[in-house]
Amino acid sequence: MKSWQQIAKITRLHSLIASVLPFCLGLLFALFQYQTVNAVNSVIFFLITCLMQIIVNLFDTYKDYKNALKYHLTQEEDGIFSKVKNATEARNLKLAIYGLTLVGALLALWLVLRTSPVILLLGLTGAAIGYLYSGGPHPIQNGPLGDVASGIIMGYIISLAAVLINIQPRQFSWSIAGKMILVAGIAVCAITNISLANNLCDYDEDVKFHRFTSVSYLGKEGTLRFYAINYVIGYLCTFISICLGWLPWSTILVLLTIPLVIKNTRRFWQVQSKQKTFVLTIRNDIAITFAVVLSTIIYALFQV
């Protein structure tokens, strides 16, 4: 049996934080604008988002193993063999993907039955984009749009769905979708930056696998500029959302994370390393997520 450390490495459990931020933003918006939260729907949906993230991560690991075999890479040339050592483990990984996908599909069906067909449409859209992101002959993540796509898939779609599952179908409107562009802006930008940081750190390895991400097109310096600008855009989206009355004033706590994010961004700008500095981007996301969670709790308790 694999250790918990090995399971965490294969599934990239640390990346689940990227699901928490947009989920909490959607929850906060629903609570502030409609004074309602459906606890059962929220728990089901949160489990689905976590499962989707794990499935995508497992699929990426499986594909990396297959690519390593395709290009005849050795343990010294690629670290994938520390995650998947042989064909038996690869087959078990594939079975795990099928099993988790089935569980996720059943949970999604349950959620649709509890809500409305709109959730089904949104879910199918997210699933299709998610597959195209990491599957098929030309995965989106292997191209220049992969980073932005990951931000939109997880940041915007999860936030929007988190709102819709908590309100009545008669309250659905296109205005919600429009407002969530700004409300979820910081989630979209923060998640995009996780992908950008990952691709910056893995640039040399990606070239070996013939993956030409945004780094190949923008260059490392251009990608780092994009990375820094993303945070500025995200914070502006939050500030504007507060001023427009789409988020409660307690959300101002998110802006208090700016000094930490600036500090970590400067350090990452100097060195892009999976072992040394990639964690700084994760810490930025954790800090922003914690601020949003705290904002939600404060609003729920004190209605500010």
C-alpha atoms as a PDB file:
ATOM      1  CA  MET A   1       0.000   0.000   0.000  1.00  0.00           C
ATOM      2  CA  LYS A   2       1.284   3.421  -0.895  1.00  0.00           C
ATOM      3  CA  SER A   3       2.075   5.843   1.904  1.00  0.00           C
ATOM      4  CA  TRP A   4       0.030   8.998   2.401  1.00  0.00           C
ATOM      5  CA  GLN A   5       3.017  10.999   1.144  1.00  0.00           C
ATOM      6  CA  GLN A   6       3.018   9.033  -2.099  1.00  0.00           C
ATOM      7  CA  ILE A   7      -0.739   9.434  -2.528  1.00  0.00           C
ATOM      8  CA  ALA A   8      -0.438  13.162  -1.878  1.00  0.00           C
ATOM      9  CA  LYS A   9       2.324  13.394  -4.495  1.00  0.00           C
ATOM     10  CA  ILE A  10       0.348  11.527  -7.157  1.00  0.00           C
ATOM     11  CA  THR A  11      -2.943  13.335  -6.536  1.00  0.00           C
ATOM     12  CA  ARG A  12      -1.273  16.716  -5.811  1.00  0.00           C
ATOM     13  CA  LEU A  13      -3.531  17.235  -2.816  1.00  0.00           C
ATOM     14  CA  HIS A  14      -2.015  20.682  -2.225  1.00  0.00           C
ATOM     15  CA  SER A  15      -3.747  21.848  -5.423  1.00  0.00           C
ATOM     16  CA  LEU A  16      -7.180  21.352  -3.815  1.00  0.00           C
ATOM     17  CA  ILE A  17      -6.787  24.798  -2.267  1.00  0.00           C
ATOM     18  CA  ALA A  18      -7.525  26.115  -5.771  1.00  0.00           C
ATOM     19  CA  SER A  19     -11.064  24.694  -5.452  1.00  0.00           C
ATOM     20  CA  VAL A  20     -11.716  26.272  -2.061  1.00  0.00           C
ATOM     21  CA  LEU A  21     -11.231  29.920  -3.103  1.00  0.00           C
ATOM     22  CA  PRO A  22     -13.833  30.100  -5.917  1.00  0.00           C
ATOM     23  CA  PHE A  23     -16.247  27.941  -3.918  1.00  0.00           C
ATOM     24  CA  CYS A  24     -16.076  30.330  -0.953  1.00  0.00           C
ATOM     25  CA  LEU A  25     -16.452  33.394  -3.192  1.00  0.00           C
ATOM     26  CA  GLY A  26     -19.644  31.925  -4.653  1.00  0.00           C
ATOM     27  CA  LEU A  27     -20.873  31.061  -1.177  1.00  0.00           C
ATOM     28  CA  LEU A  28     -20.162  34.578   0.090  1.00  0.00           C
ATOM     29  CA  PHE A  29     -21.954  36.150  -2.891  1.00  0.00           C
ATOM     30  CA  ALA A  30     -25.051  33.963  -2.373  1.00  0.00           C
ATOM     31  CA  LEU A  31     -25.096  34.695   1.336  1.00  0.00           C
ATOM     32  CA  PHE A  32     -24.675  38.466   0.829  1.00  0.00           C
ATOM     33  CA  GLN A  33     -27.001  38.954  -2.141  1.00  0.00           C
ATOM     34  CA  TYR A  34     -29.711  36.390  -1.364  1.00  0.00           C
ATOM     35  CA  GLN A  35     -29.276  35.692   2.391  1.00  0.00           C
ATOM     36  CA  THR A  36     -29.391  31.966   1.717  1.00  0.00           C
ATOM     37  CA  VAL A  37     -27.095  28.953   1.766  1.00  0.00           C
ATOM     38  CA  ASN A  38     -28.133  25.353   1.129  1.00  0.00           C
ATOM     39  CA  ALA A  39     -25.748  23.314   3.278  1.00  0.00           C
ATOM     40  CA  VAL A  40     -26.454  19.930   1.639  1.00  0.00           C
ATOM     41  CA  ASN A  41     -26.061  21.260  -1.905  1.00  0.00           C
ATOM     42  CA  SER A  42     -22.878  23.077  -0.900  1.00  0.00           C
ATOM     43  CA  VAL A  43     -21.288  19.959   0.600  1.00  0.00           C
ATOM     44  CA  ILE A  44     -22.180  17.840  -2.448  1.00  0.00           C
ATOM     45  CA  PHE A  45     -20.837  20.454  -4.827  1.00  0.00           C
ATOM     46  CA  PHE A  46     -17.629  20.920  -2.849  1.00  0.00           C
ATOM     47  CA  LEU A  47     -16.994  17.159  -2.961  1.00  0.00           C
ATOM     48  CA  ILE A  48     -17.554  17.221  -6.739  1.00  0.00           C
ATOM     49  CA  THR A  49     -15.068  20.064  -7.262  1.00  0.00           C
ATOM     50  CA  CYS A  50     -12.429  18.287  -5.174  1.00  0.00           C
ATOM     51  CA  LEU A  51     -12.983  15.031  -7.073  1.00  0.00           C
ATOM     52  CA  MET A  52     -12.682  16.816 -10.422  1.00  0.00           C
ATOM     53  CA  GLN A  53      -9.370  18.364  -9.348  1.00  0.00           C
ATOM     54  CA  ILE A  54      -8.014  15.013  -8.185  1.00  0.00           C
ATOM     55  CA  ILE A  55      -9.151  13.278 -11.402  1.00  0.00           C
ATOM     56  CA  VAL A  56      -7.433  15.886 -13.581  1.00  0.00           C
ATOM     57  CA  ASN A  57      -4.254  15.566 -11.491  1.00  0.00           C
ATOM     58  CA  LEU A  58      -4.295  11.758 -11.745  1.00  0.00           C
ATOM     59  CA  PHE A  59      -4.863  11.959 -15.488  1.00  0.00           C
ATOM     60  CA  ASP A  60      -1.930  14.359 -15.829  1.00  0.00           C
ATOM     61  CA  THR A  61       0.266  11.956 -13.875  1.00  0.00           C
ATOM     62  CA  TYR A  62      -0.837   9.048 -16.070  1.00  0.00           C
ATOM     63  CA  LYS A  63      -0.123  11.001 -19.255  1.00  0.00           C
ATOM     64  CA  ASP A  64       3.291  12.099 -17.946  1.00  0.00           C
ATOM     65  CA  TYR A  65       4.155   8.441 -17.338  1.00  0.00           C
ATOM     66  CA  LYS A  66       3.055   7.476 -20.855  1.00  0.00           C
ATOM     67  CA  ASN A  67       5.022  10.361 -22.356  1.00  0.00           C
ATOM     68  CA  ALA A  68       8.112   9.380 -20.395  1.00  0.00           C
ATOM     69  CA  LEU A  69       7.880   5.898 -21.932  1.00  0.00           C
ATOM     70  CA  LYS A  70       7.171   7.340 -25.379  1.00  0.00           C
ATOM     71  CA  TYR A  71      10.276   9.530 -25.304  1.00  0.00           C
ATOM     72  CA  HIS A  72      12.401   6.846 -23.578  1.00  0.00           C
ATOM     73  CA  LEU A  73      13.203   8.999 -20.561  1.00  0.00           C
ATOM     74  CA  THR A  74      14.969   7.532 -17.535  1.00  0.00           C
ATOM     75  CA  GLN A  75      14.578   8.164 -13.793  1.00  0.00           C
ATOM     76  CA  GLU A  76      17.494  10.599 -13.947  1.00  0.00           C
ATOM     77  CA  GLU A  77      15.845  12.541 -16.781  1.00  0.00           C
ATOM     78  CA  ASP A  78      12.331  12.719 -15.367  1.00  0.00           C
ATOM     79  CA  GLY A  79      10.851  12.435 -11.876  1.00  0.00           C
ATOM     80  CA  ILE A  80       7.567  10.852 -12.997  1.00  0.00           C
ATOM     81  CA  PHE A  81       8.935   7.397 -12.179  1.00  0.00           C
ATOM     82  CA  SER A  82       9.007   8.334  -8.492  1.00  0.00           C
ATOM     83  CA  LYS A  83       5.192   8.567  -8.729  1.00  0.00           C
ATOM     84  CA  VAL A  84       4.434   5.698 -11.143  1.00  0.00           C
ATOM     85  CA  LYS A  85       7.115   3.028 -11.154  1.00  0.00           C
ATOM     86  CA  ASN A  86       5.758   0.421 -13.570  1.00  0.00           C
ATOM     87  CA  ALA A  87       2.890  -0.694 -15.818  1.00  0.00           C
ATOM     88  CA  THR A  88       0.977  -2.241 -12.904  1.00  0.00           C
ATOM     89  CA  GLU A  89       0.910   1.045 -11.003  1.00  0.00           C
ATOM     90  CA  ALA A  90      -0.097   2.851 -14.201  1.00  0.00           C
ATOM     91  CA  ARG A  91      -3.008   0.440 -14.679  1.00  0.00           C
ATOM     92  CA  ASN A  92      -4.109   0.946 -11.055  1.00  0.00           C
ATOM     93  CA  LEU A  93      -3.921   4.691 -11.608  1.00  0.00           C
ATOM     94  CA  LYS A  94      -6.176   4.368 -14.639  1.00  0.00           C
ATOM     95  CA  LEU A  95      -8.687   2.300 -12.656  1.00  0.00           C
ATOM     96  CA  ALA A  96      -8.662   4.935  -9.921  1.00  0.00           C
ATOM     97  CA  ILE A  97      -9.483   7.600 -12.525  1.00  0.00           C
ATOM     98  CA  TYR A  98     -12.463   5.562 -13.779  1.00  0.00           C
ATOM     99  CA  GLY A  99     -13.680   4.875 -10.237  1.00  0.00           C
ATOM    100  CA  LEU A 100     -13.468   8.489  -9.084  1.00  0.00           C
ATOM    101  CA  THR A 101     -15.130   9.676 -12.293  1.00  0.00           C
ATOM    102  CA  LEU A 102     -18.071   7.351 -11.610  1.00  0.00           C
ATOM    103  CA  VAL A 103     -18.391   8.647  -8.038  1.00  0.00           C
ATOM    104  CA  GLY A 104     -18.223  12.238  -9.281  1.00  0.00           C
ATOM    105  CA  ALA A 105     -20.875  11.568 -11.940  1.00  0.00           C
ATOM    106  CA  LEU A 106     -23.254  10.056  -9.367  1.00  0.00           C
ATOM    107  CA  LEU A 107     -22.774  13.020  -7.025  1.00  0.00           C
ATOM    108  CA  ALA A 108     -23.330  15.420  -9.942  1.00  0.00           C
ATOM    109  CA  LEU A 109     -26.561  13.638 -10.891  1.00  0.00           C
ATOM    110  CA  TRP A 110     -27.767  13.860  -7.288  1.00  0.00           C
ATOM    111  CA  LEU A 111     -26.991  17.589  -7.231  1.00  0.00           C
ATOM    112  CA  VAL A 112     -28.858  18.198 -10.503  1.00  0.00           C
ATOM    113  CA  LEU A 113     -31.922  16.374  -9.122  1.00  0.00           C
ATOM    114  CA  ARG A 114     -31.774  18.631  -6.071  1.00  0.00           C
ATOM    115  CA  THR A 115     -31.389  21.842  -8.079  1.00  0.00           C
ATOM    116  CA  SER A 116     -32.201  22.427 -11.762  1.00  0.00           C
ATOM    117  CA  PRO A 117     -31.160  21.561 -15.352  1.00  0.00           C
ATOM    118  CA  VAL A 118     -29.111  24.776 -15.382  1.00  0.00           C
ATOM    119  CA  ILE A 119     -26.624  23.070 -13.079  1.00  0.00           C
ATOM    120  CA  LEU A 120     -26.517  20.098 -15.461  1.00  0.00           C
ATOM    121  CA  LEU A 121     -25.704  22.406 -18.375  1.00  0.00           C
ATOM    122  CA  LEU A 122     -23.028  24.206 -16.376  1.00  0.00           C
ATOM    123  CA  GLY A 123     -21.597  20.903 -15.180  1.00  0.00           C
ATOM    124  CA  LEU A 124     -21.439  19.410 -18.668  1.00  0.00           C
ATOM    125  CA  THR A 125     -19.745  22.573 -19.925  1.00  0.00           C
ATOM    126  CA  GLY A 126     -17.186  22.416 -17.131  1.00  0.00           C
ATOM    127  CA  ALA A 127     -16.594  18.692 -17.673  1.00  0.00           C
ATOM    128  CA  ALA A 128     -16.134  19.157 -21.432  1.00  0.00           C
ATOM    129  CA  ILE A 129     -13.668  21.992 -20.961  1.00  0.00           C
ATOM    130  CA  GLY A 130     -11.933  20.005 -18.221  1.00  0.00           C
ATOM    131  CA  TYR A 131     -11.473  17.042 -20.560  1.00  0.00           C
ATOM    132  CA  LEU A 132     -10.226  19.202 -23.394  1.00  0.00           C
ATOM    133  CA  TYR A 133      -7.869  20.862 -20.927  1.00  0.00           C
ATOM    134  CA  SER A 134      -5.934  17.674 -20.168  1.00  0.00           C
ATOM    135  CA  GLY A 135      -7.252  15.050 -22.621  1.00  0.00           C
ATOM    136  CA  GLY A 136      -7.551  14.443 -26.315  1.00  0.00           C
ATOM    137  CA  PRO A 137      -4.805  14.619 -28.972  1.00  0.00           C
ATOM    138  CA  HIS A 138      -4.147  18.324 -28.355  1.00  0.00           C
ATOM    139  CA  PRO A 139      -4.768  19.189 -24.668  1.00  0.00           C
ATOM    140  CA  ILE A 140      -5.331  22.878 -23.919  1.00  0.00           C
ATOM    141  CA  GLN A 141      -2.816  22.736 -21.090  1.00  0.00           C
ATOM    142  CA  ASN A 142      -0.042  21.954 -23.560  1.00  0.00           C
ATOM    143  CA  GLY A 143      -0.654  25.205 -25.413  1.00  0.00           C
ATOM    144  CA  PRO A 144      -0.489  28.946 -24.716  1.00  0.00           C
ATOM    145  CA  LEU A 145      -4.065  29.176 -23.384  1.00  0.00           C
ATOM    146  CA  GLY A 146      -3.757  26.484 -20.735  1.00  0.00           C
ATOM    147  CA  ASP A 147      -3.077  28.843 -17.833  1.00  0.00           C
ATOM    148  CA  VAL A 148      -6.011  31.153 -18.518  1.00  0.00           C
ATOM    149  CA  ALA A 149      -8.262  28.161 -19.234  1.00  0.00           C
ATOM    150  CA  SER A 150      -7.487  26.651 -15.826  1.00  0.00           C
ATOM    151  CA  GLY A 151      -8.318  29.957 -14.159  1.00  0.00           C
ATOM    152  CA  ILE A 152     -11.631  30.268 -15.969  1.00  0.00           C
ATOM    153  CA  ILE A 153     -12.636  26.623 -15.479  1.00  0.00           C
ATOM    154  CA  MET A 154     -11.964  26.599 -11.752  1.00  0.00           C
ATOM    155  CA  GLY A 155     -12.154  30.260 -10.807  1.00  0.00           C
ATOM    156  CA  TYR A 156     -15.234  31.394 -12.691  1.00  0.00           C
ATOM    157  CA  ILE A 157     -17.315  28.264 -13.329  1.00  0.00           C
ATOM    158  CA  ILE A 158     -16.950  26.943  -9.771  1.00  0.00           C
ATOM    159  CA  SER A 159     -17.819  30.362  -8.308  1.00  0.00           C
ATOM    160  CA  LEU A 160     -20.877  30.718 -10.535  1.00  0.00           C
ATOM    161  CA  ALA A 161     -22.081  27.189  -9.800  1.00  0.00           C
ATOM    162  CA  ALA A 162     -21.562  27.753  -6.063  1.00  0.00           C
ATOM    163  CA  VAL A 163     -24.033  30.635  -6.296  1.00  0.00           C
ATOM    164  CA  LEU A 164     -26.628  28.815  -8.396  1.00  0.00           C
ATOM    165  CA  ILE A 165     -26.811  25.730  -6.159  1.00  0.00           C
ATOM    166  CA  ASN A 166     -27.634  27.956  -3.193  1.00  0.00           C
ATOM    167  CA  ILE A 167     -30.507  29.997  -4.654  1.00  0.00           C
ATOM    168  CA  GLN A 168     -33.939  29.146  -6.035  1.00  0.00           C
ATOM    169  CA  PRO A 169     -34.234  28.432  -9.810  1.00  0.00           C
ATOM    170  CA  ARG A 170     -36.605  31.392 -10.181  1.00  0.00           C
ATOM    171  CA  GLN A 171     -33.782  33.664  -9.023  1.00  0.00           C
ATOM    172  CA  PHE A 172     -31.459  32.599 -11.873  1.00  0.00           C
ATOM    173  CA  SER A 173     -30.537  35.442 -14.215  1.00  0.00           C
ATOM    174  CA  TRP A 174     -27.810  36.441 -16.659  1.00  0.00           C
ATOM    175  CA  SER A 175     -26.932  39.338 -14.371  1.00  0.00           C
ATOM    176  CA  ILE A 176     -25.519  36.835 -11.872  1.00  0.00           C
ATOM    177  CA  ALA A 177     -23.197  35.448 -14.534  1.00  0.00           C
ATOM    178  CA  GLY A 178     -22.065  38.984 -15.363  1.00  0.00           C
ATOM    179  CA  LYS A 179     -21.468  40.001 -11.747  1.00  0.00           C
ATOM    180  CA  MET A 180     -19.496  36.841 -11.067  1.00  0.00           C
ATOM    181  CA  ILE A 181     -16.914  37.868 -13.669  1.00  0.00           C
ATOM    182  CA  LEU A 182     -15.737  40.545 -11.235  1.00  0.00           C
ATOM    183  CA  VAL A 183     -16.574  38.723  -8.005  1.00  0.00           C
ATOM    184  CA  ALA A 184     -14.606  35.638  -9.079  1.00  0.00           C
ATOM    185  CA  GLY A 185     -11.846  37.743 -10.646  1.00  0.00           C
ATOM    186  CA  ILE A 186      -9.337  37.214  -7.862  1.00  0.00           C
ATOM    187  CA  ALA A 187      -9.947  33.438  -7.960  1.00  0.00           C
ATOM    188  CA  VAL A 188      -9.485  33.340 -11.737  1.00  0.00           C
ATOM    189  CA  CYS A 189      -6.227  35.300 -11.485  1.00  0.00           C
ATOM    190  CA  ALA A 190      -4.849  33.379  -8.478  1.00  0.00           C
ATOM    191  CA  ILE A 191      -5.557  29.989 -10.072  1.00  0.00           C
ATOM    192  CA  THR A 192      -4.135  31.159 -13.398  1.00  0.00           C
ATOM    193  CA  ASN A 193      -0.971  32.106 -11.530  1.00  0.00           C
ATOM    194  CA  ILE A 194      -0.652  28.646  -9.996  1.00  0.00           C
ATOM    195  CA  SER A 195      -0.640  27.241 -13.528  1.00  0.00           C
ATOM    196  CA  LEU A 196       1.786  29.930 -14.717  1.00  0.00           C
ATOM    197  CA  ALA A 197       4.141  29.230 -11.818  1.00  0.00           C
ATOM    198  CA  ASN A 198       3.975  25.497 -12.513  1.00  0.00           C
ATOM    199  CA  ASN A 199       4.798  26.019 -16.191  1.00  0.00           C
ATOM    200  CA  LEU A 200       7.632  28.432 -15.388  1.00  0.00           C
ATOM    201  CA  CYS A 201       9.197  25.861 -13.055  1.00  0.00           C
ATOM    202  CA  ASP A 202       8.618  22.978 -15.498  1.00  0.00           C
ATOM    203  CA  TYR A 203       9.623  24.804 -18.676  1.00  0.00           C
ATOM    204  CA  ASP A 204      12.653  22.616 -19.488  1.00  0.00           C
ATOM    205  CA  GLU A 205      10.695  19.419 -18.813  1.00  0.00           C
ATOM    206  CA  ASP A 206       7.775  20.646 -20.920  1.00  0.00           C
ATOM    207  CA  VAL A 207      10.078  21.191 -23.881  1.00  0.00           C
ATOM    208  CA  LYS A 208      11.197  17.551 -23.609  1.00  0.00           C
ATOM    209  CA  PHE A 209       7.560  16.481 -23.850  1.00  0.00           C
ATOM    210  CA  HIS A 210       6.911  18.874 -26.743  1.00  0.00           C
ATOM    211  CA  ARG A 211       4.544  20.963 -24.607  1.00  0.00           C
ATOM    212  CA  PHE A 212       4.683  24.569 -25.680  1.00  0.00           C
ATOM    213  CA  THR A 213       2.905  26.475 -22.926  1.00  0.00           C
ATOM    214  CA  SER A 214       2.536  30.238 -22.568  1.00  0.00           C
ATOM    215  CA  VAL A 215       6.158  30.398 -21.374  1.00  0.00           C
ATOM    216  CA  SER A 216       7.293  29.289 -24.831  1.00  0.00           C
ATOM    217  CA  TYR A 217       5.400  32.187 -26.396  1.00  0.00           C
ATOM    218  CA  LEU A 218       5.852  34.957 -23.814  1.00  0.00           C
ATOM    219  CA  GLY A 219       9.305  33.992 -22.612  1.00  0.00           C
ATOM    220  CA  LYS A 220      10.131  33.696 -18.913  1.00  0.00           C
ATOM    221  CA  GLU A 221      10.293  37.448 -18.342  1.00  0.00           C
ATOM    222  CA  GLY A 222       7.033  38.071 -20.191  1.00  0.00           C
ATOM    223  CA  THR A 223       5.319  35.286 -18.246  1.00  0.00           C
ATOM    224  CA  LEU A 224       6.564  36.722 -14.962  1.00  0.00           C
ATOM    225  CA  ARG A 225       5.109  40.108 -15.905  1.00  0.00           C
ATOM    226  CA  PHE A 226       1.796  38.427 -16.738  1.00  0.00           C
ATOM    227  CA  TYR A 227       2.006  36.643 -13.372  1.00  0.00           C
ATOM    228  CA  ALA A 228       2.458  39.920 -11.455  1.00  0.00           C
ATOM    229  CA  ILE A 229      -0.223  41.782 -13.435  1.00  0.00           C
ATOM    230  CA  ASN A 230      -2.704  38.989 -12.703  1.00  0.00           C
ATOM    231  CA  TYR A 231      -2.573  39.715  -8.986  1.00  0.00           C
ATOM    232  CA  VAL A 232      -3.166  43.420  -9.630  1.00  0.00           C
ATOM    233  CA  ILE A 233      -6.215  42.592 -11.768  1.00  0.00           C
ATOM    234  CA  GLY A 234      -7.532  40.169  -9.144  1.00  0.00           C
ATOM    235  CA  TYR A 235      -7.337  42.678  -6.320  1.00  0.00           C
ATOM    236  CA  LEU A 236      -8.946  45.365  -8.495  1.00  0.00           C
ATOM    237  CA  CYS A 237     -11.836  43.001  -9.243  1.00  0.00           C
ATOM    238  CA  THR A 238     -12.382  42.455  -5.517  1.00  0.00           C
ATOM    239  CA  PHE A 239     -12.177  46.175  -4.705  1.00  0.00           C
ATOM    240  CA  ILE A 240     -14.643  47.071  -7.466  1.00  0.00           C
ATOM    241  CA  SER A 241     -17.015  44.274  -6.390  1.00  0.00           C
ATOM    242  CA  ILE A 242     -17.057  45.681  -2.857  1.00  0.00           C
ATOM    243  CA  CYS A 243     -17.663  49.232  -4.108  1.00  0.00           C
ATOM    244  CA  LEU A 244     -20.522  48.044  -6.349  1.00  0.00           C
ATOM    245  CA  GLY A 245     -22.158  46.277  -3.421  1.00  0.00           C
ATOM    246  CA  TRP A 246     -21.710  42.791  -4.837  1.00  0.00           C
ATOM    247  CA  LEU A 247     -19.565  41.644  -1.912  1.00  0.00           C
ATOM    248  CA  PRO A 248     -19.824  42.692   1.757  1.00  0.00           C
ATOM    249  CA  TRP A 249     -17.393  45.147   3.296  1.00  0.00           C
ATOM    250  CA  SER A 250     -15.868  42.313   5.330  1.00  0.00           C
ATOM    251  CA  THR A 251     -14.250  41.199   2.050  1.00  0.00           C
ATOM    252  CA  ILE A 252     -11.851  44.124   2.467  1.00  0.00           C
ATOM    253  CA  LEU A 253      -9.794  41.616   4.479  1.00  0.00           C
ATOM    254  CA  VAL A 254      -8.643  40.164   1.154  1.00  0.00           C
ATOM    255  CA  LEU A 255      -6.784  43.391   0.406  1.00  0.00           C
ATOM    256  CA  LEU A 256      -4.766  42.929   3.611  1.00  0.00           C
ATOM    257  CA  THR A 257      -2.959  40.025   1.915  1.00  0.00           C
ATOM    258  CA  ILE A 258      -1.376  42.374  -0.640  1.00  0.00           C
ATOM    259  CA  PRO A 259       1.941  42.898   1.264  1.00  0.00           C
ATOM    260  CA  LEU A 260       2.467  39.129   1.606  1.00  0.00           C
ATOM    261  CA  VAL A 261       1.624  38.519  -2.053  1.00  0.00           C
ATOM    262  CA  ILE A 262       4.044  41.267  -3.147  1.00  0.00           C
ATOM    263  CA  LYS A 263       6.802  39.761  -0.995  1.00  0.00           C
ATOM    264  CA  ASN A 264       6.264  36.240  -2.339  1.00  0.00           C
ATOM    265  CA  THR A 265       5.956  37.481  -5.932  1.00  0.00           C
ATOM    266  CA  ARG A 266       9.305  39.269  -5.694  1.00  0.00           C
ATOM    267  CA  ARG A 267      10.962  36.113  -4.391  1.00  0.00           C
ATOM    268  CA  PHE A 268       9.404  33.987  -7.128  1.00  0.00           C
ATOM    269  CA  TRP A 269      10.483  36.560  -9.742  1.00  0.00           C
ATOM    270  CA  GLN A 270      14.114  35.986  -8.693  1.00  0.00           C
ATOM    271  CA  VAL A 271      14.039  32.180  -8.822  1.00  0.00           C
ATOM    272  CA  GLN A 272      11.515  29.819 -10.425  1.00  0.00           C
ATOM    273  CA  SER A 273      12.031  26.407  -8.854  1.00  0.00           C
ATOM    274  CA  LYS A 274       9.551  23.615  -8.137  1.00  0.00           C
ATOM    275  CA  GLN A 275      11.503  22.651  -5.021  1.00  0.00           C
ATOM    276  CA  LYS A 276      12.258  26.139  -3.664  1.00  0.00           C
ATOM    277  CA  THR A 277       9.799  28.808  -4.797  1.00  0.00           C
ATOM    278  CA  PHE A 278       6.710  27.219  -6.387  1.00  0.00           C
ATOM    279  CA  VAL A 279       5.260  26.919  -2.894  1.00  0.00           C
ATOM    280  CA  LEU A 280       5.209  30.730  -2.678  1.00  0.00           C
ATOM    281  CA  THR A 281       2.389  30.858  -5.226  1.00  0.00           C
ATOM    282  CA  ILE A 282       0.481  28.242  -3.238  1.00  0.00           C
ATOM    283  CA  ARG A 283       0.993  30.354  -0.117  1.00  0.00           C
ATOM    284  CA  ASN A 284      -0.422  33.373  -1.928  1.00  0.00           C
ATOM    285  CA  ASP A 285      -3.519  31.372  -2.838  1.00  0.00           C
ATOM    286  CA  ILE A 286      -3.858  30.052   0.719  1.00  0.00           C
ATOM    287  CA  ALA A 287      -3.597  33.575   2.156  1.00  0.00           C
ATOM    288  CA  ILE A 288      -6.243  34.938  -0.219  1.00  0.00           C
ATOM    289  CA  THR A 289      -8.482  31.919   0.405  1.00  0.00           C
ATOM    290  CA  PHE A 290      -8.152  32.272   4.178  1.00  0.00           C
ATOM    291  CA  ALA A 291      -9.105  35.956   3.909  1.00  0.00           C
ATOM    292  CA  VAL A 292     -12.217  35.076   1.862  1.00  0.00           C
ATOM    293  CA  VAL A 293     -13.224  32.315   4.311  1.00  0.00           C
ATOM    294  CA  LEU A 294     -12.754  34.696   7.241  1.00  0.00           C
ATOM    295  CA  SER A 295     -14.762  37.361   5.415  1.00  0.00           C
ATOM    296  CA  THR A 296     -17.588  34.873   4.925  1.00  0.00           C
ATOM    297  CA  ILE A 297     -17.589  33.879   8.606  1.00  0.00           C
ATOM    298  CA  ILE A 298     -17.526  37.510   9.757  1.00  0.00           C
ATOM    299  CA  TYR A 299     -20.394  38.442   7.436  1.00  0.00           C
ATOM    300  CA  ALA A 300     -22.442  35.405   8.508  1.00  0.00           C
ATOM    301  CA  LEU A 301     -21.944  36.255  12.186  1.00  0.00           C
ATOM    302  CA  PHE A 302     -22.189  40.034  12.143  1.00  0.00           C
ATOM    303  CA  GLN A 303     -23.841  40.905   8.788  1.00  0.00           C
ATOM    304  CA  VAL A 304     -21.291  43.598   7.867  1.00  0.00           C
END
